[in-house]
Amino acid sequence: MTPPQNPPQPDSADDRQAYASTLVDDLRAHGHKLRAGRVTLHTAKSFGFCWGVDKAVEIVHDAVEAHPGKRIWMLDQMIHNPAVNRDLLARGIRFVKGTYAEGDGFEAISSGDVAIIPAFSAQVEDIQRLKDIGCVIVDTTCPWVLKPHLRTQRNIEAGFTTVIHATMGHAETRSTCSLIRHHGGHFLVVKDLEQTDILCAFLRREIGAAALMAELGEFATPEFDPDADLDRVALINQTTMLASESREIGRRIESAVLERVGTDALREHFRDFDTICNATQDNQDAVEALVDGTPLDLMIVVGGFESSNTRNLARITRDKVATYHVEDAAFLQPDAIRHLPEQGTEPVRTADWLPATGNLVVGFSAGASTPDTKLAEAMRRLVSLAGESTDSLVASR
């Protein structure tokens, strides 16, 4: 992907401060509610940059300062937010893989270069390749991502196959699956309740191994043997999945195993360990509280389209209020809004999205990888499109 001609440059020695917003700070200071003319803005009480992302930004900043003159590589997207990744490009950081990579990938890296592991972690083989090249490795892996990794290793040692509630292809999931293969274990990924029910049908012996593999085989370890490998299962989840769905998946799998082996043997055949990160849980609880407790006309969720936790925030609110997941302010236009649908991978266009007259109450939230600056730009854009000015924003009772 070619970087923009005039990419935004961080304007502070501290990258984290470059992502701060006075508008968002004002909202937090005034009960997460401000008014400008006919428009009232609400935010969820928890949203935006999580501790792990904030720490990763700090580590990258320190790495740039500590290695002046050296070539610095990011293995893949640091987080799933285009603005942050483009900021890295603007600072001269190159990407080895993924959307922002150019050139020859690993072949372009030399001994002594600095290589940064993203917050999602990385596949074992990629990390080993960097070590073999002789890079200085800087690891920004979020501690909450390490949590399921450590639990998975214990489960493998105890003879359990790992069932992962995750999005296959997500960077965190790829790193987890790579770790399991590296340690000689087996995995099966289920993305939702529908796939979970297929797995449960096998565990109850309602379908055979061939039927299971026909449906879920592409999400399993190569040469996966359901009859042998699903005798003992341990469930973990990608840290940014929908927490309520992960809990229901655990309940269904536990029930299926219980029917097969009985109460006395259950703990020998099933383990469940909640690996949803605290920030993901807090953001999900907060956006649910917002839509349940406030009559909203619209809900805008701001964040990268590849961001699992952002997509799940939008999932929570869609059944209760008209919800639009946008990457940034540019997706809000007078005649239409471009947004990501729940099951889509590309944005769609919806016309007549913004009421032209009357009072307008709009809720906002943002994914854990979304800078406050991007959330604020979307808010200012909406207020302007509604015919008001953010300069007139006041505390609203």
Protein backbone atom coordinates (compact mmCIF):
# COMPACT_ATOMS: atom_id res chain seq x y z
CA MET A 1 0.00 0.00 0.00
CA THR A 2 1.38 3.43 -0.96
CA PRO A 3 1.49 5.86 1.99
CA PRO A 4 -0.40 9.15 1.62
CA GLN A 5 1.47 12.09 0.07
CA ASN A 6 1.15 14.19 3.22
CA PRO A 7 0.68 11.72 6.08
CA PRO A 8 -0.16 13.08 9.52
CA GLN A 9 2.96 13.64 11.59
CA PRO A 10 2.92 13.17 15.35
CA ASP A 11 3.29 16.68 16.79
CA SER A 12 4.69 15.75 20.16
CA ALA A 13 7.82 14.11 21.50
CA ASP A 14 5.42 11.70 23.18
CA ASP A 15 3.42 9.80 20.55
CA ARG A 16 0.66 9.02 23.06
CA GLN A 17 0.03 12.72 23.65
CA ALA A 18 -0.19 13.23 19.88
CA TYR A 19 -3.31 11.06 19.95
CA ALA A 20 -5.03 13.02 22.75
CA SER A 21 -8.08 15.23 22.11
CA THR A 22 -9.41 18.16 24.14
CA LEU A 23 -12.94 17.42 22.89
CA VAL A 24 -12.80 13.84 24.16
CA ASP A 25 -11.24 15.02 27.41
CA ASP A 26 -14.12 17.50 27.81
CA LEU A 27 -16.66 14.73 27.28
CA ARG A 28 -15.01 12.61 29.95
CA ALA A 29 -14.95 15.58 32.31
CA HIS A 30 -18.65 16.37 31.79
CA GLY A 31 -20.26 13.01 32.36
CA HIS A 32 -19.65 11.78 28.78
CA LYS A 33 -22.33 14.17 27.47
CA LEU A 34 -22.11 17.50 25.60
CA ARG A 35 -24.60 19.52 23.57
CA ALA A 36 -24.25 21.81 20.55
CA GLY A 37 -27.57 23.29 19.43
CA ARG A 38 -29.87 20.47 18.36
CA VAL A 39 -27.14 17.83 18.71
CA THR A 40 -26.36 16.00 21.94
CA LEU A 41 -23.26 13.80 22.02
CA HIS A 42 -22.89 10.85 24.36
CA THR A 43 -19.92 8.54 24.72
CA ALA A 44 -19.73 5.21 26.42
CA LYS A 45 -17.92 5.46 29.76
CA SER A 46 -15.11 3.25 28.52
CA PHE A 47 -13.74 3.40 24.97
CA GLY A 48 -10.64 3.95 22.88
CA PHE A 49 -6.97 3.19 23.49
CA CYS A 50 -6.51 0.34 25.95
CA TRP A 51 -3.52 -0.06 28.24
CA GLY A 52 -1.90 -2.61 25.92
CA VAL A 53 -2.10 -0.31 22.87
CA ASP A 54 -0.93 2.68 24.89
CA LYS A 55 2.06 0.64 26.10
CA ALA A 56 2.86 -0.59 22.59
CA VAL A 57 2.94 3.00 21.29
CA GLU A 58 5.30 3.92 24.12
CA ILE A 59 7.62 0.98 23.36
CA VAL A 60 7.80 1.91 19.67
CA HIS A 61 8.54 5.54 20.56
CA ASP A 62 11.34 4.41 22.88
CA ALA A 63 12.75 2.08 20.22
CA VAL A 64 12.97 4.90 17.68
CA GLU A 65 14.73 7.11 20.23
CA ALA A 66 17.11 4.33 21.31
CA HIS A 67 18.24 3.34 17.80
CA PRO A 68 18.92 6.54 15.83
CA GLY A 69 20.11 5.93 12.29
CA LYS A 70 19.07 2.27 12.27
CA ARG A 71 16.47 0.81 9.94
CA ILE A 72 13.37 -0.10 11.91
CA TRP A 73 10.87 -2.72 10.78
CA MET A 74 7.37 -3.53 12.01
CA LEU A 75 6.64 -7.20 11.40
CA ASP A 76 2.98 -6.50 10.51
CA GLN A 77 0.32 -3.98 11.51
CA MET A 78 1.12 -2.81 15.04
CA ILE A 79 -2.60 -2.48 15.78
CA HIS A 80 -5.67 -2.51 13.57
CA ASN A 81 -5.95 1.21 13.01
CA PRO A 82 -4.94 2.79 9.69
CA ALA A 83 -4.06 6.18 11.19
CA VAL A 84 -1.59 4.71 13.69
CA ASN A 85 0.05 2.45 11.11
CA ARG A 86 0.40 5.38 8.69
CA ASP A 87 1.99 7.43 11.45
CA LEU A 88 4.62 4.70 11.72
CA LEU A 89 5.24 4.90 7.98
CA ALA A 90 5.61 8.66 8.32
CA ARG A 91 8.32 8.12 10.93
CA GLY A 92 10.27 5.95 8.51
CA ILE A 93 9.31 2.59 10.00
CA ARG A 94 8.93 -0.09 7.34
CA PHE A 95 6.56 -3.04 7.35
CA VAL A 96 7.69 -6.59 6.64
CA LYS A 97 4.27 -8.16 5.98
CA GLY A 98 0.65 -7.22 5.47
CA THR A 99 -1.27 -4.21 4.20
CA TYR A 100 1.51 -1.66 4.60
CA ALA A 101 4.45 -3.77 3.40
CA GLU A 102 6.48 -2.87 0.35
CA GLY A 103 9.42 -4.56 -1.30
CA ASP A 104 11.01 -7.88 -0.47
CA GLY A 105 9.77 -8.58 3.06
CA PHE A 106 12.20 -10.59 5.12
CA GLU A 107 14.75 -10.54 2.30
CA ALA A 108 15.19 -6.78 2.77
CA ILE A 109 16.09 -7.03 6.47
CA SER A 110 19.74 -7.05 7.52
CA SER A 111 21.60 -8.04 10.65
CA GLY A 112 21.56 -5.17 13.12
CA ASP A 113 18.23 -3.76 11.91
CA VAL A 114 15.54 -3.28 14.54
CA ALA A 115 12.44 -5.48 14.20
CA ILE A 116 9.29 -4.80 16.22
CA ILE A 117 6.80 -7.51 17.17
CA PRO A 118 3.23 -6.09 17.01
CA ALA A 119 0.85 -5.91 19.94
CA PHE A 120 -0.93 -9.03 18.60
CA SER A 121 2.33 -11.02 18.90
CA ALA A 122 3.55 -12.99 15.87
CA GLN A 123 3.93 -16.47 14.47
CA VAL A 124 6.75 -18.48 16.00
CA GLU A 125 8.40 -19.08 12.64
CA ASP A 126 8.48 -15.36 11.83
CA ILE A 127 10.10 -14.49 15.14
CA GLN A 128 12.67 -17.23 14.63
CA ARG A 129 13.44 -15.91 11.15
CA LEU A 130 14.15 -12.46 12.59
CA LYS A 131 16.45 -14.02 15.17
CA ASP A 132 18.29 -15.94 12.45
CA ILE A 133 18.83 -12.71 10.50
CA GLY A 134 20.37 -11.14 13.58
CA CYS A 135 17.86 -8.36 14.22
CA VAL A 136 17.50 -6.38 17.40
CA ILE A 137 14.01 -7.53 18.40
CA VAL A 138 11.62 -5.23 20.24
CA ASP A 139 8.49 -6.94 21.53
CA THR A 140 5.25 -4.93 22.01
CA THR A 141 3.04 -7.99 22.58
CA CYS A 142 0.15 -7.09 24.84
CA PRO A 143 0.22 -8.96 28.18
CA TRP A 144 -3.41 -9.94 27.63
CA VAL A 145 -2.37 -11.72 24.43
CA LEU A 146 0.33 -13.57 26.33
CA LYS A 147 -2.30 -14.83 28.80
CA PRO A 148 -3.99 -17.31 26.41
CA HIS A 149 -0.57 -18.30 25.08
CA LEU A 150 0.61 -19.36 28.54
CA ARG A 151 -2.65 -21.14 29.29
CA THR A 152 -2.48 -22.97 25.96
CA GLN A 153 0.99 -24.30 26.71
CA ARG A 154 -0.26 -25.74 30.01
CA ASN A 155 -3.22 -27.35 28.27
CA ILE A 156 -0.98 -28.94 25.64
CA GLU A 157 1.26 -30.36 28.36
CA ALA A 158 -1.84 -31.83 30.03
CA GLY A 159 -2.97 -33.50 26.78
CA PHE A 160 -5.82 -31.17 25.84
CA THR A 161 -6.69 -29.99 22.34
CA THR A 162 -7.32 -26.24 22.18
CA VAL A 163 -10.66 -24.99 20.89
CA ILE A 164 -10.34 -21.28 20.11
CA HIS A 165 -13.23 -18.86 19.83
CA ALA A 166 -11.64 -16.54 17.30
CA THR A 167 -11.62 -15.01 13.87
CA MET A 168 -9.49 -17.23 11.64
CA GLY A 169 -6.91 -15.06 9.92
CA HIS A 170 -6.77 -12.46 12.70
CA ALA A 171 -3.15 -11.67 13.62
CA GLU A 172 -3.60 -12.75 17.24
CA THR A 173 -5.23 -16.02 16.20
CA ARG A 174 -2.46 -16.76 13.71
CA SER A 175 0.13 -16.29 16.45
CA THR A 176 -1.80 -18.56 18.84
CA CYS A 177 -2.22 -21.31 16.24
CA SER A 178 1.47 -21.06 15.37
CA LEU A 179 2.40 -21.46 19.03
CA ILE A 180 0.18 -24.55 19.36
CA ARG A 181 1.75 -26.16 16.28
CA HIS A 182 5.23 -25.30 17.59
CA HIS A 183 4.53 -27.12 20.85
CA GLY A 184 3.09 -30.17 19.11
CA GLY A 185 -0.52 -29.50 20.07
CA HIS A 186 -3.77 -29.44 18.12
CA PHE A 187 -6.36 -26.69 17.67
CA LEU A 188 -9.82 -26.15 16.24
CA VAL A 189 -11.13 -22.62 15.68
CA VAL A 190 -14.84 -21.75 15.95
CA LYS A 191 -15.88 -18.22 15.02
CA ASP A 192 -19.49 -18.20 16.25
CA LEU A 193 -22.35 -20.13 17.82
CA GLU A 194 -23.27 -21.81 14.53
CA GLN A 195 -19.84 -23.40 14.20
CA THR A 196 -19.89 -24.23 17.92
CA ASP A 197 -23.12 -26.18 17.46
CA ILE A 198 -21.45 -28.27 14.75
CA LEU A 199 -18.64 -29.08 17.15
CA CYS A 200 -21.14 -29.90 19.89
CA ALA A 201 -23.04 -32.22 17.56
CA PHE A 202 -19.82 -34.20 17.11
CA LEU A 203 -19.07 -34.22 20.84
CA ARG A 204 -22.54 -35.67 21.44
CA ARG A 205 -21.89 -38.25 18.71
CA GLU A 206 -24.76 -36.89 16.62
CA ILE A 207 -22.45 -36.51 13.61
CA GLY A 208 -19.23 -38.29 12.70
CA ALA A 209 -15.69 -37.09 12.14
CA ALA A 210 -16.11 -36.78 8.38
CA ALA A 211 -19.10 -34.46 8.77
CA LEU A 212 -17.26 -32.33 11.30
CA MET A 213 -14.19 -31.98 9.11
CA ALA A 214 -16.30 -31.13 6.09
CA GLU A 215 -17.61 -28.11 8.00
CA LEU A 216 -14.66 -27.07 10.18
CA GLY A 217 -11.62 -28.90 8.83
CA GLU A 218 -10.05 -25.79 7.32
CA PHE A 219 -9.97 -24.24 10.79
CA ALA A 220 -8.04 -27.09 12.40
CA THR A 221 -4.48 -28.30 12.70
CA PRO A 222 -3.26 -30.20 9.61
CA GLU A 223 -4.03 -33.93 9.91
CA PHE A 224 -6.55 -33.21 12.67
CA ASP A 225 -8.22 -36.41 13.94
CA PRO A 226 -11.51 -35.50 15.65
CA ASP A 227 -11.99 -38.91 17.27
CA ALA A 228 -8.62 -38.73 18.99
CA ASP A 229 -8.01 -35.00 19.27
CA LEU A 230 -11.42 -33.99 20.67
CA ASP A 231 -11.47 -36.46 23.53
CA ARG A 232 -10.15 -33.74 25.85
CA VAL A 233 -10.79 -30.10 24.92
CA ALA A 234 -9.75 -26.80 26.45
CA LEU A 235 -11.44 -23.58 25.39
CA ILE A 236 -9.76 -20.19 25.08
CA ASN A 237 -10.82 -17.08 23.17
CA GLN A 238 -9.16 -14.44 21.08
CA THR A 239 -8.87 -11.56 23.53
CA THR A 240 -11.06 -9.18 21.48
CA MET A 241 -14.08 -11.38 20.82
CA LEU A 242 -17.61 -10.67 22.01
CA ALA A 243 -17.50 -11.70 25.66
CA SER A 244 -21.15 -12.77 25.91
CA GLU A 245 -20.71 -15.02 22.87
CA SER A 246 -17.54 -16.56 24.30
CA ARG A 247 -19.36 -17.39 27.54
CA GLU A 248 -22.22 -19.01 25.64
CA ILE A 249 -19.77 -21.02 23.53
CA GLY A 250 -18.14 -22.28 26.72
CA ARG A 251 -21.51 -23.23 28.17
CA ARG A 252 -22.54 -25.18 25.05
CA ILE A 253 -19.28 -27.09 24.74
CA GLU A 254 -19.28 -27.93 28.45
CA SER A 255 -22.85 -29.22 28.18
CA ALA A 256 -21.97 -31.41 25.18
CA VAL A 257 -18.92 -32.89 26.93
CA LEU A 258 -20.97 -33.44 30.09
CA GLU A 259 -23.57 -35.46 28.17
CA ARG A 260 -20.80 -37.65 26.77
CA VAL A 261 -18.62 -38.30 29.83
CA GLY A 262 -20.77 -37.50 32.88
CA THR A 263 -20.20 -35.22 35.85
CA ASP A 264 -17.37 -37.17 37.50
CA ALA A 265 -15.17 -37.13 34.40
CA LEU A 266 -16.04 -33.64 33.17
CA ARG A 267 -12.93 -31.86 34.46
CA GLU A 268 -10.72 -34.51 32.91
CA HIS A 269 -12.22 -33.81 29.51
CA PHE A 270 -13.07 -30.10 29.49
CA ARG A 271 -11.38 -26.88 30.54
CA ASP A 272 -12.61 -23.33 30.01
CA PHE A 273 -10.43 -20.28 30.61
CA ASP A 274 -11.79 -16.80 29.89
CA THR A 275 -9.10 -14.87 28.00
CA ILE A 276 -11.14 -11.81 26.99
CA CYS A 277 -9.02 -8.80 27.94
CA ASN A 278 -10.25 -6.40 30.62
CA ALA A 279 -10.34 -3.40 28.26
CA THR A 280 -12.43 -5.32 25.72
CA GLN A 281 -14.85 -6.36 28.45
CA ASP A 282 -15.04 -2.82 29.88
CA ASN A 283 -15.71 -1.27 26.45
CA GLN A 284 -18.40 -3.84 25.66
CA ASP A 285 -20.12 -3.38 29.03
CA ALA A 286 -19.96 0.41 28.66
CA VAL A 287 -21.47 0.56 25.17
CA GLU A 288 -24.24 -1.81 26.23
CA ALA A 289 -24.98 0.41 29.23
CA LEU A 290 -25.08 3.46 26.95
CA VAL A 291 -27.63 2.08 24.48
CA ASP A 292 -29.73 0.50 27.24
CA GLY A 293 -29.79 3.63 29.40
CA THR A 294 -30.00 6.46 26.83
CA PRO A 295 -32.57 6.99 24.06
CA LEU A 296 -30.33 7.43 21.01
CA ASP A 297 -31.16 8.35 17.44
CA LEU A 298 -27.82 7.06 16.10
CA MET A 299 -24.79 5.14 17.30
CA ILE A 300 -21.40 5.72 15.68
CA VAL A 301 -18.55 3.29 16.39
CA VAL A 302 -15.15 4.53 15.24
CA GLY A 303 -12.27 2.19 14.48
CA GLY A 304 -10.39 0.13 11.93
CA PHE A 305 -12.43 -2.27 9.83
CA GLU A 306 -9.94 -5.04 10.61
CA SER A 307 -10.34 -4.46 14.34
CA SER A 308 -12.19 -7.36 15.97
CA ASN A 309 -12.99 -5.50 19.18
CA THR A 310 -14.40 -2.52 17.24
CA ARG A 311 -16.63 -4.73 15.12
CA ASN A 312 -17.96 -6.35 18.28
CA LEU A 313 -18.87 -2.99 19.80
CA ALA A 314 -21.05 -2.37 16.75
CA ARG A 315 -22.57 -5.85 17.06
CA ILE A 316 -23.75 -5.08 20.58
CA THR A 317 -25.71 -1.97 19.58
CA ARG A 318 -27.10 -2.85 16.13
CA ASP A 319 -30.26 -4.54 17.39
CA LYS A 320 -31.11 -1.57 19.62
CA VAL A 321 -30.30 1.55 17.58
CA ALA A 322 -29.22 2.46 14.04
CA THR A 323 -25.47 1.80 14.22
CA TYR A 324 -22.67 2.70 11.84
CA HIS A 325 -19.08 1.43 12.11
CA VAL A 326 -16.78 3.94 10.39
CA GLU A 327 -13.00 4.16 10.23
CA ASP A 328 -12.80 7.93 10.51
CA ALA A 329 -14.55 11.24 9.86
CA ALA A 330 -14.15 10.97 6.07
CA PHE A 331 -16.79 8.22 6.05
CA LEU A 332 -19.45 10.71 7.24
CA GLN A 333 -20.81 12.66 4.26
CA PRO A 334 -23.87 14.91 3.83
CA ASP A 335 -25.65 12.63 1.38
CA ALA A 336 -24.55 9.24 2.75
CA ILE A 337 -22.47 7.44 5.32
CA ARG A 338 -19.97 4.74 4.37
CA HIS A 339 -19.81 2.05 7.01
CA LEU A 340 -18.97 -1.60 7.58
CA PRO A 341 -21.97 -3.95 7.79
CA GLU A 342 -21.94 -6.68 10.42
CA GLN A 343 -21.08 -9.56 8.10
CA GLY A 344 -19.17 -7.55 5.52
CA THR A 345 -15.52 -6.98 4.73
CA GLU A 346 -16.01 -3.84 2.62
CA PRO A 347 -17.88 -0.65 3.50
CA VAL A 348 -21.34 0.03 2.11
CA ARG A 349 -23.13 3.32 1.48
CA THR A 350 -26.33 4.31 3.31
CA ALA A 351 -28.22 7.46 2.28
CA ASP A 352 -30.54 9.59 4.43
CA TRP A 353 -28.68 8.56 7.55
CA LEU A 354 -28.69 11.93 9.33
CA PRO A 355 -32.03 13.58 10.25
CA ALA A 356 -32.09 17.08 8.75
CA THR A 357 -34.19 18.68 11.47
CA GLY A 358 -35.16 18.21 15.10
CA ASN A 359 -33.17 17.27 18.15
CA LEU A 360 -30.53 14.64 17.51
CA VAL A 361 -29.01 12.40 20.18
CA VAL A 362 -25.95 10.49 19.03
CA GLY A 363 -23.91 7.90 20.89
CA PHE A 364 -20.23 7.30 20.18
CA SER A 365 -17.75 4.60 21.06
CA ALA A 366 -14.33 3.63 19.72
CA GLY A 367 -12.27 0.48 19.50
CA ALA A 368 -9.29 -0.21 21.73
CA SER A 369 -6.92 0.72 18.88
CA THR A 370 -8.68 3.99 17.99
CA PRO A 371 -6.90 7.25 18.95
CA ASP A 372 -8.99 9.90 20.68
CA THR A 373 -8.07 12.26 17.83
CA LYS A 374 -9.92 10.07 15.31
CA LEU A 375 -12.97 9.80 17.54
CA ALA A 376 -13.01 13.58 17.99
CA GLU A 377 -12.74 14.20 14.24
CA ALA A 378 -15.78 12.00 13.65
CA MET A 379 -17.73 13.86 16.35
CA ARG A 380 -16.84 17.26 14.93
CA ARG A 381 -17.79 16.09 11.47
CA LEU A 382 -21.21 14.88 12.61
CA VAL A 383 -21.95 18.08 14.52
CA SER A 384 -20.97 20.14 11.45
CA LEU A 385 -23.14 18.04 9.11
CA ALA A 386 -26.05 18.59 11.49
CA GLY A 387 -25.63 22.34 11.05
CA GLU A 388 -24.03 23.08 14.41
CA SER A 389 -20.53 23.99 15.61
CA THR A 390 -18.39 22.16 18.12
CA ASP A 391 -17.20 25.56 19.30
CA SER A 392 -20.62 25.90 20.92
CA LEU A 393 -20.48 22.57 22.78
CA VAL A 394 -21.58 22.89 26.39
CA ALA A 395 -22.22 20.51 29.23
CA SER A 396 -25.67 18.96 28.92
CA ARG A 397 -27.84 17.94 31.85
